Amino acid sequence: MRDMLVQHLGALRRAIHSLKSYYHDYSGNPVLPSHNPFHPYPTSFTTQDGLVKPFKYLSSMKGRNFFFGNIEDADGAAICVKFVTRYSERAHRFLAERELAPRLHAVERLPGGQYIQWAKKLFECLLIFKGF
């Protein structure tokens, strides 16, 4: 039993030494953008035209999977980003045509079964989701 403890402690000491030397020289990947850990990982979406639009999260609605941001292009359009487990794109587009929902930029299915949607105009989203 004592020999096994000594072997485990020796392995732990070597692992700690190895990790210290690794992280001492680690500088991260400078190519990757910095990411706020409080915001979800998707930072771009693909439009119906096939264009990839990067965006930046600005804030979130407390207690909900609902975020606000800007598309990172010349216009810098404000967007709403919503994560849901059940979603009908057809129903959303139907309501958007009647100006009862914000215009939809894109919808994608994420791993794990969630859907993410990107909708137009922060102000429209606030009005609709706050019930005004």
Foldseek 3Di string as FASTA:
>chain_A
DVVVVVVVVVVVVVVVVVVVVVVVPDDDDPVDDDDDPVADDDQWDAFPVRDIWGWDWDAADPPFQKTWTFTPDPVRFIKIKHKAQDDDPVVQCVCVVVVLAFAWGDWDADPPRIIMTIGGDPVSHCCNVVPD
